[in-house]
PDB file of N, CA and C in Angstrom:
ATOM      1  N   UNK A   1      96.709  90.820 265.968  1.00  0.00           N
ATOM      2  CA  UNK A   1      95.653  89.740 265.896  1.00  0.00           C
ATOM      3  C   UNK A   1      95.485  89.021 266.995  1.00  0.00           C
ATOM      4  N   UNK A   2      95.179  89.245 268.125  1.00  0.00           N
ATOM      5  CA  UNK A   2      94.875  88.064 269.169  1.00  0.00           C
ATOM      6  C   UNK A   2      93.774  87.288 269.300  1.00  0.00           C
ATOM      7  N   UNK A   3      94.467  86.226 269.536  1.00  0.00           N
ATOM      8  CA  UNK A   3      93.326  84.817 269.522  1.00  0.00           C
ATOM      9  C   UNK A   3      92.996  84.088 270.462  1.00  0.00           C
ATOM     10  N   UNK A   4      91.835  84.499 271.363  1.00  0.00           N
ATOM     11  CA  UNK A   4      91.575  83.653 272.541  1.00  0.00           C
ATOM     12  C   UNK A   4      91.199  82.143 272.380  1.00  0.00           C
ATOM     13  N   UNK A   5      92.030  81.384 273.196  1.00  0.00           N
ATOM     14  CA  UNK A   5      92.100  79.617 273.335  1.00  0.00           C
ATOM     15  C   UNK A   5      90.973  79.540 273.890  1.00  0.00           C
ATOM     16  N   UNK A   6      90.285  80.378 274.535  1.00  0.00           N
ATOM     17  CA  UNK A   6      88.848  79.818 275.328  1.00  0.00           C
ATOM     18  C   UNK A   6      87.870  79.462 274.179  1.00  0.00           C
ATOM     19  N   UNK A   7      87.852  80.083 273.364  1.00  0.00           N
ATOM     20  CA  UNK A   7      86.796  79.457 272.439  1.00  0.00           C
ATOM     21  C   UNK A   7      86.992  78.759 271.737  1.00  0.00           C
ATOM     22  N   UNK A   8      88.098  78.039 271.708  1.00  0.00           N
ATOM     23  CA  UNK A   8      88.658  77.034 270.713  1.00  0.00           C
ATOM     24  C   UNK A   8      87.988  75.418 271.375  1.00  0.00           C
ATOM     25  N   UNK A   9      88.415  75.760 272.929  1.00  0.00           N
ATOM     26  CA  UNK A   9      88.052  74.460 273.902  1.00  0.00           C
ATOM     27  C   UNK A   9      86.415  73.823 273.108  1.00  0.00           C
ATOM     28  N   UNK A  10      85.486  74.543 273.487  1.00  0.00           N
ATOM     29  CA  UNK A  10      84.179  73.972 273.262  1.00  0.00           C
ATOM     30  C   UNK A  10      83.954  73.812 271.916  1.00  0.00           C
ATOM     31  N   UNK A  11      84.649  74.327 270.590  1.00  0.00           N
ATOM     32  CA  UNK A  11      84.640  73.806 269.325  1.00  0.00           C
ATOM     33  C   UNK A  11      85.320  72.144 269.344  1.00  0.00           C
ATOM     34  N   UNK A  12      86.664  72.367 269.966  1.00  0.00           N
ATOM     35  CA  UNK A  12      87.184  71.193 270.093  1.00  0.00           C
ATOM     36  C   UNK A  12      86.575  69.880 270.675  1.00  0.00           C
ATOM     37  N   UNK A  13      85.793  70.339 271.715  1.00  0.00           N
ATOM     38  CA  UNK A  13      84.873  69.280 272.289  1.00  0.00           C
ATOM     39  C   UNK A  13      83.595  68.433 271.568  1.00  0.00           C
ATOM     40  N   UNK A  14      83.198  69.690 271.164  1.00  0.00           N
ATOM     41  CA  UNK A  14      81.669  69.577 270.075  1.00  0.00           C
ATOM     42  C   UNK A  14      82.429  68.706 268.999  1.00  0.00           C
ATOM     43  N   UNK A  15      83.305  68.675 268.380  1.00  0.00           N
ATOM     44  CA  UNK A  15      84.040  67.963 267.115  1.00  0.00           C
ATOM     45  C   UNK A  15      84.275  66.756 267.700  1.00  0.00           C
ATOM     46  N   UNK A  16      84.955  66.612 268.833  1.00  0.00           N
ATOM     47  CA  UNK A  16      85.103  65.331 269.651  1.00  0.00           C
ATOM     48  C   UNK A  16      84.301  64.442 269.926  1.00  0.00           C
ATOM     49  N   UNK A  17      82.941  65.105 270.515  1.00  0.00           N
ATOM     50  CA  UNK A  17      81.939  64.432 270.836  1.00  0.00           C
ATOM     51  C   UNK A  17      80.998  63.984 269.501  1.00  0.00           C
ATOM     52  N   UNK A  18      81.176  64.834 268.576  1.00  0.00           N
ATOM     53  CA  UNK A  18      80.723  64.277 267.125  1.00  0.00           C
ATOM     54  C   UNK A  18      81.013  63.031 266.665  1.00  0.00           C
ATOM     55  N   UNK A  19      82.279  63.290 266.774  1.00  0.00           N
ATOM     56  CA  UNK A  19      83.561  62.126 266.063  1.00  0.00           C
ATOM     57  C   UNK A  19      82.986  60.793 267.082  1.00  0.00           C
ATOM     58  N   UNK A  20      83.451  60.531 268.248  1.00  0.00           N
ATOM     59  CA  UNK A  20      82.849  59.480 269.006  1.00  0.00           C
ATOM     60  C   UNK A  20      81.375  59.003 268.961  1.00  0.00           C
ATOM     61  N   UNK A  21      80.404  59.796 268.837  1.00  0.00           N
ATOM     62  CA  UNK A  21      79.151  59.361 268.423  1.00  0.00           C
ATOM     63  C   UNK A  21      79.167  58.276 267.046  1.00  0.00           C
ATOM     64  N   UNK A  22      79.734  59.154 266.254  1.00  0.00           N
ATOM     65  CA  UNK A  22      79.584  58.414 265.043  1.00  0.00           C
ATOM     66  C   UNK A  22      80.787  57.353 264.923  1.00  0.00           C
ATOM     67  N   UNK A  23      81.724  56.924 265.593  1.00  0.00           N
ATOM     68  CA  UNK A  23      82.134  55.702 265.630  1.00  0.00           C
ATOM     69  C   UNK A  23      81.666  54.977 266.452  1.00  0.00           C
ATOM     70  N   UNK A  24      81.374  55.392 267.519  1.00  0.00           N
ATOM     71  CA  UNK A  24      80.433  54.425 268.848  1.00  0.00           C
ATOM     72  C   UNK A  24      79.191  53.663 267.924  1.00  0.00           C
ATOM     73  N   UNK A  25      78.468  54.615 267.057  1.00  0.00           N
ATOM     74  CA  UNK A  25      77.262  53.751 266.331  1.00  0.00           C
ATOM     75  C   UNK A  25      77.984  52.841 265.085  1.00  0.00           C
ATOM     76  N   UNK A  26      78.784  53.279 264.603  1.00  0.00           N
ATOM     77  CA  UNK A  26      79.559  52.425 263.433  1.00  0.00           C
ATOM     78  C   UNK A  26      80.016  50.921 264.191  1.00  0.00           C
ATOM     79  N   UNK A  27      80.914  50.933 265.211  1.00  0.00           N
ATOM     80  CA  UNK A  27      81.063  50.069 265.815  1.00  0.00           C
ATOM     81  C   UNK A  27      80.080  48.887 266.526  1.00  0.00           C
ATOM     82  N   UNK A  28      79.036  50.015 266.660  1.00  0.00           N
ATOM     83  CA  UNK A  28      78.253  49.208 267.707  1.00  0.00           C
ATOM     84  C   UNK A  28      77.265  48.220 266.446  1.00  0.00           C
ATOM     85  N   UNK A  29      77.214  48.757 265.392  1.00  0.00           N
ATOM     86  CA  UNK A  29      76.064  48.429 264.423  1.00  0.00           C
ATOM     87  C   UNK A  29      77.183  47.218 263.664  1.00  0.00           C
ATOM     88  N   UNK A  30      78.742  47.267 263.658  1.00  0.00           N
ATOM     89  CA  UNK A  30      79.408  46.241 263.116  1.00  0.00           C
ATOM     90  C   UNK A  30      79.063  44.751 264.143  1.00  0.00           C
ATOM     91  N   UNK A  31      79.490  44.897 265.207  1.00  0.00           N
ATOM     92  CA  UNK A  31      78.952  43.965 266.365  1.00  0.00           C
ATOM     93  C   UNK A  31      78.102  43.167 266.255  1.00  0.00           C
ATOM     94  N   UNK A  32      76.641  44.284 266.242  1.00  0.00           N
ATOM     95  CA  UNK A  32      75.589  43.772 266.207  1.00  0.00           C
ATOM     96  C   UNK A  32      75.297  42.393 265.086  1.00  0.00           C
ATOM     97  N   UNK A  33      75.926  42.990 263.694  1.00  0.00           N
ATOM     98  CA  UNK A  33      75.600  42.084 262.509  1.00  0.00           C
ATOM     99  C   UNK A  33      76.402  41.076 262.479  1.00  0.00           C
ATOM    100  N   UNK A  34      77.848  40.864 263.357  1.00  0.00           N
ATOM    101  CA  UNK A  34      78.433  39.738 263.378  1.00  0.00           C
ATOM    102  C   UNK A  34      77.692  38.699 264.745  1.00  0.00           C
ATOM    103  N   UNK A  35      77.339  39.538 265.444  1.00  0.00           N
ATOM    104  CA  UNK A  35      76.734  38.686 266.415  1.00  0.00           C
ATOM    105  C   UNK A  35      75.881  37.976 266.397  1.00  0.00           C
ATOM    106  N   UNK A  36      74.546  38.497 265.788  1.00  0.00           N
ATOM    107  CA  UNK A  36      73.296  38.374 265.493  1.00  0.00           C
ATOM    108  C   UNK A  36      72.950  37.114 264.075  1.00  0.00           C
ATOM    109  N   UNK A  37      74.511  36.762 263.096  1.00  0.00           N
ATOM    110  CA  UNK A  37      74.328  36.366 262.115  1.00  0.00           C
ATOM    111  C   UNK A  37      74.295  35.200 262.341  1.00  0.00           C
ATOM    112  N   UNK A  38      72.779  34.224 261.563  1.00  0.00           N
ATOM    113  CA  UNK A  38      72.452  32.893 261.958  1.00  0.00           C
ATOM    114  C   UNK A  38      73.300  32.247 261.146  1.00  0.00           C
ATOM    115  N   UNK A  39      74.195  32.479 260.012  1.00  0.00           N
ATOM    116  CA  UNK A  39      75.348  31.779 259.104  1.00  0.00           C
ATOM    117  C   UNK A  39      76.513  31.731 260.215  1.00  0.00           C
ATOM    118  N   UNK A  40      77.004  32.774 261.265  1.00  0.00           N
ATOM    119  CA  UNK A  40      78.091  32.909 261.988  1.00  0.00           C
ATOM    120  C   UNK A  40      77.683  31.738 263.138  1.00  0.00           C
ATOM    121  N   UNK A  41      76.690  31.795 263.786  1.00  0.00           N
ATOM    122  CA  UNK A  41      76.038  30.877 264.629  1.00  0.00           C
ATOM    123  C   UNK A  41      75.915  29.297 264.204  1.00  0.00           C
ATOM    124  N   UNK A  42      75.655  29.096 263.418  1.00  0.00           N
ATOM    125  CA  UNK A  42      75.349  27.970 262.589  1.00  0.00           C
ATOM    126  C   UNK A  42      77.120  27.399 262.209  1.00  0.00           C
ATOM    127  N   UNK A  43      77.960  28.241 261.980  1.00  0.00           N
ATOM    128  CA  UNK A  43      79.433  27.611 261.723  1.00  0.00           C
ATOM    129  C   UNK A  43      80.055  27.573 263.202  1.00  0.00           C
ATOM    130  N   UNK A  44      79.952  28.100 263.931  1.00  0.00           N
ATOM    131  CA  UNK A  44      80.453  28.149 265.164  1.00  0.00           C
ATOM    132  C   UNK A  44      79.772  26.580 265.693  1.00  0.00           C
ATOM    133  N   UNK A  45      78.919  26.314 265.579  1.00  0.00           N
ATOM    134  CA  UNK A  45      77.801  25.247 266.164  1.00  0.00           C
ATOM    135  C   UNK A  45      78.405  23.943 265.398  1.00  0.00           C
ATOM    136  N   UNK A  46      78.917  24.248 263.975  1.00  0.00           N
ATOM    137  CA  UNK A  46      79.575  23.198 263.552  1.00  0.00           C
ATOM    138  C   UNK A  46      80.889  22.959 263.994  1.00  0.00           C
ATOM    139  N   UNK A  47      81.622  24.062 263.981  1.00  0.00           N
ATOM    140  CA  UNK A  47      82.890  23.786 264.494  1.00  0.00           C
ATOM    141  C   UNK A  47      82.983  23.231 265.972  1.00  0.00           C
ATOM    142  N   UNK A  48      81.945  23.730 266.787  1.00  0.00           N
ATOM    143  CA  UNK A  48      82.098  22.861 268.211  1.00  0.00           C
ATOM    144  C   UNK A  48      81.888  21.470 267.808  1.00  0.00           C
ATOM    145  N   UNK A  49      80.872  20.955 267.230  1.00  0.00           N
ATOM    146  CA  UNK A  49      80.609  19.456 267.145  1.00  0.00           C
ATOM    147  C   UNK A  49      81.929  18.851 266.282  1.00  0.00           C
ATOM    148  N   UNK A  50      82.677  19.518 265.582  1.00  0.00           N
ATOM    149  CA  UNK A  50      83.960  19.076 264.921  1.00  0.00           C
ATOM    150  C   UNK A  50      84.931  18.851 266.305  1.00  0.00           C
ATOM    151  N   UNK A  51      85.149  20.011 266.706  1.00  0.00           N
ATOM    152  CA  UNK A  51      86.202  20.107 267.963  1.00  0.00           C
ATOM    153  C   UNK A  51      85.983  18.802 269.074  1.00  0.00           C
ATOM    154  N   UNK A  52      84.716  18.819 269.802  1.00  0.00           N
ATOM    155  CA  UNK A  52      84.187  17.538 270.489  1.00  0.00           C
ATOM    156  C   UNK A  52      84.246  16.356 269.506  1.00  0.00           C
ATOM    157  N   UNK A  53      84.241  15.485 268.285  1.00  0.00           N
ATOM    158  CA  UNK A  53      84.311  14.824 267.471  1.00  0.00           C
ATOM    159  C   UNK A  53      85.944  14.323 267.874  1.00  0.00           C
ATOM    160  N   UNK A  54      86.531  15.491 267.176  1.00  0.00           N
ATOM    161  CA  UNK A  54      87.924  15.093 267.428  1.00  0.00           C
ATOM    162  C   UNK A  54      88.567  14.922 268.889  1.00  0.00           C
ATOM    163  N   UNK A  55      88.260  15.390 270.029  1.00  0.00           N
ATOM    164  CA  UNK A  55      88.901  15.539 271.165  1.00  0.00           C
ATOM    165  C   UNK A  55      88.232  14.056 271.594  1.00  0.00           C
ATOM    166  N   UNK A  56      87.224  13.427 271.463  1.00  0.00           N
ATOM    167  CA  UNK A  56      86.785  12.283 271.578  1.00  0.00           C
ATOM    168  C   UNK A  56      87.639  11.473 270.957  1.00  0.00           C
ATOM    169  N   UNK A  57      88.142  11.330 269.911  1.00  0.00           N
ATOM    170  CA  UNK A  57      89.176  10.201 268.781  1.00  0.00           C
ATOM    171  C   UNK A  57      90.517  10.564 269.507  1.00  0.00           C
ATOM    172  N   UNK A  58      90.618  11.343 270.067  1.00  0.00           N
ATOM    173  CA  UNK A  58      92.285  11.739 270.695  1.00  0.00           C
ATOM    174  C   UNK A  58      91.867  11.256 272.072  1.00  0.00           C
ATOM    175  N   UNK A  59      91.177  11.407 272.475  1.00  0.00           N
ATOM    176  CA  UNK A  59      91.038  10.703 273.892  1.00  0.00           C
ATOM    177  C   UNK A  59      90.915   9.140 273.771  1.00  0.00           C
ATOM    178  N   UNK A  60      90.583   8.342 272.998  1.00  0.00           N
ATOM    179  CA  UNK A  60      90.381   7.346 272.737  1.00  0.00           C
ATOM    180  C   UNK A  60      92.002   6.534 271.689  1.00  0.00           C
ATOM    181  N   UNK A  61      92.404   7.339 271.439  1.00  0.00           N
ATOM    182  CA  UNK A  61      93.819   6.949 270.497  1.00  0.00           C
ATOM    183  C   UNK A  61      95.028   7.295 271.798  1.00  0.00           C
ATOM    184  N   UNK A  62      94.779   8.267 273.118  1.00  0.00           N
ATOM    185  CA  UNK A  62      95.167   8.200 274.093  1.00  0.00           C
ATOM    186  C   UNK A  62      95.442   6.797 275.025  1.00  0.00           C
ATOM    187  N   UNK A  63      93.999   6.401 275.144  1.00  0.00           N
ATOM    188  CA  UNK A  63      93.558   5.425 275.825  1.00  0.00           C
ATOM    189  C   UNK A  63      94.678   4.225 275.342  1.00  0.00           C
ATOM    190  N   UNK A  64      94.005   3.903 273.881  1.00  0.00           N
ATOM    191  CA  UNK A  64      95.199   2.691 273.296  1.00  0.00           C
ATOM    192  C   UNK A  64      96.575   2.855 273.289  1.00  0.00           C
ATOM    193  N   UNK A  65      97.178   4.523 273.217  1.00  0.00           N
ATOM    194  CA  UNK A  65      98.477   4.206 273.533  1.00  0.00           C
ATOM    195  C   UNK A  65      98.960   4.044 274.589  1.00  0.00           C
ATOM    196  N   UNK A  66      98.333   4.237 275.875  1.00  0.00           N
ATOM    197  CA  UNK A  66      98.445   3.923 276.993  1.00  0.00           C
ATOM    198  C   UNK A  66      98.625   2.163 276.928  1.00  0.00           C
ATOM    199  N   UNK A  67      97.828   1.673 276.688  1.00  0.00           N
ATOM    200  CA  UNK A  67      97.732   0.269 276.783  1.00  0.00           C
ATOM    201  C   UNK A  67      98.944  -0.352 276.047  1.00  0.00           C
ATOM    202  N   UNK A  68      99.100   0.112 275.067  1.00  0.00           N
ATOM    203  CA  UNK A  68     100.492  -0.623 274.257  1.00  0.00           C
ATOM    204  C   UNK A  68     101.672  -0.046 274.880  1.00  0.00           C
ATOM    205  N   UNK A  69     101.479   0.796 275.712  1.00  0.00           N
ATOM    206  CA  UNK A  69     103.015   1.370 276.219  1.00  0.00           C
ATOM    207  C   UNK A  69     103.394   0.308 277.822  1.00  0.00           C
ATOM    208  N   UNK A  70     102.000   0.044 277.857  1.00  0.00           N
ATOM    209  CA  UNK A  70     102.164  -0.640 279.399  1.00  0.00           C
ATOM    210  C   UNK A  70     102.560  -2.279 278.855  1.00  0.00           C
ATOM    211  N   UNK A  71     101.872  -2.670 277.708  1.00  0.00           N
ATOM    212  CA  UNK A  71     102.235  -3.693 277.191  1.00  0.00           C
ATOM    213  C   UNK A  71     103.918  -4.395 276.634  1.00  0.00           C
ATOM    214  N   UNK A  72     104.098  -3.338 276.315  1.00  0.00           N
ATOM    215  CA  UNK A  72     106.023  -2.977 275.981  1.00  0.00           C
ATOM    216  C   UNK A  72     106.545  -2.824 277.233  1.00  0.00           C
ATOM    217  N   UNK A  73     106.120  -2.180 277.691  1.00  0.00           N
ATOM    218  CA  UNK A  73     106.858  -2.014 279.106  1.00  0.00           C
ATOM    219  C   UNK A  73     106.978  -3.356 279.968  1.00  0.00           C
ATOM    220  N   UNK A  74     105.946  -4.187 279.868  1.00  0.00           N
ATOM    221  CA  UNK A  74     105.826  -5.405 280.445  1.00  0.00           C
ATOM    222  C   UNK A  74     106.765  -6.515 279.671  1.00  0.00           C
ATOM    223  N   UNK A  75     106.661  -6.619 278.340  1.00  0.00           N
ATOM    224  CA  UNK A  75     107.333  -7.271 277.701  1.00  0.00           C
ATOM    225  C   UNK A  75     109.130  -6.949 277.604  1.00  0.00           C
ATOM    226  N   UNK A  76     109.292  -5.780 277.832  1.00  0.00           N
ATOM    227  CA  UNK A  76     110.835  -5.534 277.698  1.00  0.00           C
ATOM    228  C   UNK A  76     111.348  -5.258 278.815  1.00  0.00           C
TER     229      UNK A  76
END
């Protein structure tokens, strides 16, 4: 029984192409669902606002701490 592997190449290529197309569509739809969701956008906007508020508070605390350090170094 002699099997010619030349027939196997197109079959494997067709199966691989179909598998690639299925996975490509699946992941493309998952990306679209996550990026376009209004809930995700709203959560990201709230997170950005919170981070900006925290950054401004930390900057203010850093400024106050620098003033305290300056005063302590002058006294000591």
